[in-house]
Amino acid sequence: MSSGQSKRLVVDASVATSTGERGRRGKRCRDFLKVMIDETSHRLVMTREISAEWDIHSHPFARHWRRSMNAKRRVDRPSAGRDAAFCRKIEQVSQTDKALAAMEKDLRLIEPNLPMI
């Protein structure tokens, strides 16, 4: 394992889905997850919302990887509430309802008040 500083990483469910794809994208996603678990001490941040998305969209490779991260006790499960002021700012800058829906869907990845462990 790397002697570098450990980071807390949020891995979107699109990566978990893509691990099952043939070709360059699938290989890159699998390689990323392999390096994260084998060559770093980085931790996975998995809120309830992100976990539910992974449960729906994960390929077997990603599910196995996630179980391995759990077994190594390298998964952080913060409980994060919504930041109302931040959400209002997102609403103000979105130019269309479609853009707003896309931003709201991925807010769980960047929610500013996730507690740091």
Protein backbone atom coordinates (compact mmCIF):
# COMPACT_ATOMS: atom_id res chain seq x y z
CA MET A 1 0.00 0.00 0.00
CA SER A 2 1.17 3.50 -0.79
CA SER A 3 2.75 5.59 1.92
CA GLY A 4 0.94 8.67 0.53
CA GLN A 5 -1.72 10.50 2.47
CA SER A 6 -5.10 8.80 2.57
CA LYS A 7 -8.01 10.64 0.92
CA ARG A 8 -11.73 10.17 1.25
CA LEU A 9 -13.17 9.58 -2.22
CA VAL A 10 -16.75 9.58 -3.43
CA VAL A 11 -17.07 7.16 -6.33
CA ASP A 12 -20.16 7.72 -8.44
CA ALA A 13 -22.38 4.77 -9.35
CA SER A 14 -21.58 5.42 -13.02
CA VAL A 15 -18.10 4.01 -12.29
CA ALA A 16 -19.67 0.95 -10.66
CA THR A 17 -21.85 0.47 -13.74
CA SER A 18 -19.03 1.01 -16.21
CA THR A 19 -16.86 -1.72 -14.69
CA GLY A 20 -19.01 -4.18 -16.63
CA GLU A 21 -18.45 -2.52 -20.01
CA ARG A 22 -16.14 -3.94 -22.62
CA GLY A 23 -13.56 -1.65 -24.05
CA ARG A 24 -11.48 1.23 -22.80
CA ARG A 25 -14.01 2.83 -20.44
CA GLY A 26 -14.76 -0.40 -18.56
CA LYS A 27 -11.07 -1.24 -18.28
CA ARG A 28 -10.26 2.24 -16.95
CA CYS A 29 -12.97 2.00 -14.30
CA ARG A 30 -11.84 -1.47 -13.21
CA ASP A 31 -8.20 -0.34 -13.15
CA PHE A 32 -9.10 2.71 -11.07
CA LEU A 33 -10.88 0.61 -8.45
CA LYS A 34 -8.05 -1.95 -8.39
CA VAL A 35 -5.43 0.76 -7.85
CA MET A 36 -7.54 2.40 -5.15
CA ILE A 37 -7.84 -0.79 -3.13
CA ASP A 38 -4.42 -2.34 -3.82
CA GLU A 39 -2.05 0.60 -4.06
CA THR A 40 -3.49 3.35 -1.87
CA SER A 41 -4.94 3.81 1.57
CA HIS A 42 -7.82 5.94 0.26
CA ARG A 43 -11.24 5.46 1.78
CA LEU A 44 -14.62 5.20 0.07
CA VAL A 45 -17.31 7.65 1.16
CA MET A 46 -20.69 5.94 0.94
CA THR A 47 -23.76 7.86 2.12
CA ARG A 48 -27.13 6.10 2.19
CA GLU A 49 -28.12 7.81 -1.07
CA ILE A 50 -24.92 6.83 -2.88
CA SER A 51 -25.15 3.30 -1.48
CA ALA A 52 -28.70 2.93 -2.81
CA GLU A 53 -27.58 4.09 -6.25
CA TRP A 54 -24.68 1.61 -6.20
CA ASP A 55 -27.08 -1.18 -5.17
CA ILE A 56 -29.16 -0.52 -8.29
CA HIS A 57 -26.43 0.13 -10.85
CA SER A 58 -23.37 -1.90 -9.83
CA HIS A 59 -21.77 -4.56 -11.98
CA PRO A 60 -20.60 -7.71 -10.11
CA PHE A 61 -16.97 -6.52 -10.30
CA ALA A 62 -17.89 -3.30 -8.46
CA ARG A 63 -20.02 -5.15 -5.89
CA HIS A 64 -17.09 -7.46 -5.10
CA TRP A 65 -14.75 -4.46 -4.86
CA ARG A 66 -17.14 -2.68 -2.49
CA ARG A 67 -17.40 -5.78 -0.27
CA SER A 68 -13.60 -5.92 -0.17
CA MET A 69 -13.41 -2.25 0.83
CA ASN A 70 -15.94 -2.97 3.60
CA ALA A 71 -13.92 -5.97 4.80
CA LYS A 72 -10.81 -3.78 4.97
CA ARG A 73 -12.79 -1.21 6.98
CA ARG A 74 -12.10 1.46 4.38
CA VAL A 75 -15.65 2.74 3.93
CA ASP A 76 -16.88 5.89 5.64
CA ARG A 77 -20.64 6.26 6.05
CA PRO A 78 -21.39 9.87 6.96
CA SER A 79 -24.97 10.98 7.43
CA ALA A 80 -25.37 14.22 5.57
CA GLY A 81 -28.33 16.54 5.56
CA ARG A 82 -29.17 18.98 2.83
CA ASP A 83 -27.77 22.49 3.00
CA ALA A 84 -30.80 24.64 2.16
CA ALA A 85 -28.77 27.74 1.23
CA PHE A 86 -26.59 25.70 -1.12
CA CYS A 87 -29.67 24.14 -2.75
CA ARG A 88 -31.17 27.62 -3.31
CA LYS A 89 -27.96 28.72 -5.03
CA ILE A 90 -28.14 25.70 -7.33
CA GLU A 91 -31.74 26.60 -8.20
CA GLN A 92 -30.73 30.19 -8.96
CA VAL A 93 -27.95 29.29 -11.38
CA SER A 94 -29.77 26.55 -13.27
CA GLN A 95 -31.09 27.80 -16.58
CA THR A 96 -33.54 24.99 -17.32
CA ASP A 97 -35.56 22.45 -15.36
CA LYS A 98 -33.54 19.71 -17.05
CA ALA A 99 -30.27 21.28 -15.89
CA LEU A 100 -31.65 21.67 -12.36
CA ALA A 101 -32.73 18.01 -12.25
CA ALA A 102 -29.27 16.89 -13.40
CA MET A 103 -27.53 19.02 -10.76
CA GLU A 104 -29.87 17.92 -7.97
CA LYS A 105 -29.32 14.26 -8.88
CA ASP A 106 -25.57 14.60 -8.29
CA LEU A 107 -25.71 16.93 -5.27
CA ARG A 108 -25.08 13.92 -3.04
CA LEU A 109 -21.60 13.72 -4.56
CA ILE A 110 -20.58 17.24 -3.57
CA GLU A 111 -22.85 18.17 -0.67
CA PRO A 112 -20.69 20.71 1.20
CA ASN A 113 -21.67 19.73 4.71
CA LEU A 114 -20.47 16.12 4.67
CA PRO A 115 -18.68 15.73 7.98
CA MET A 116 -14.96 15.14 7.60
CA ILE A 117 -13.62 12.11 9.45
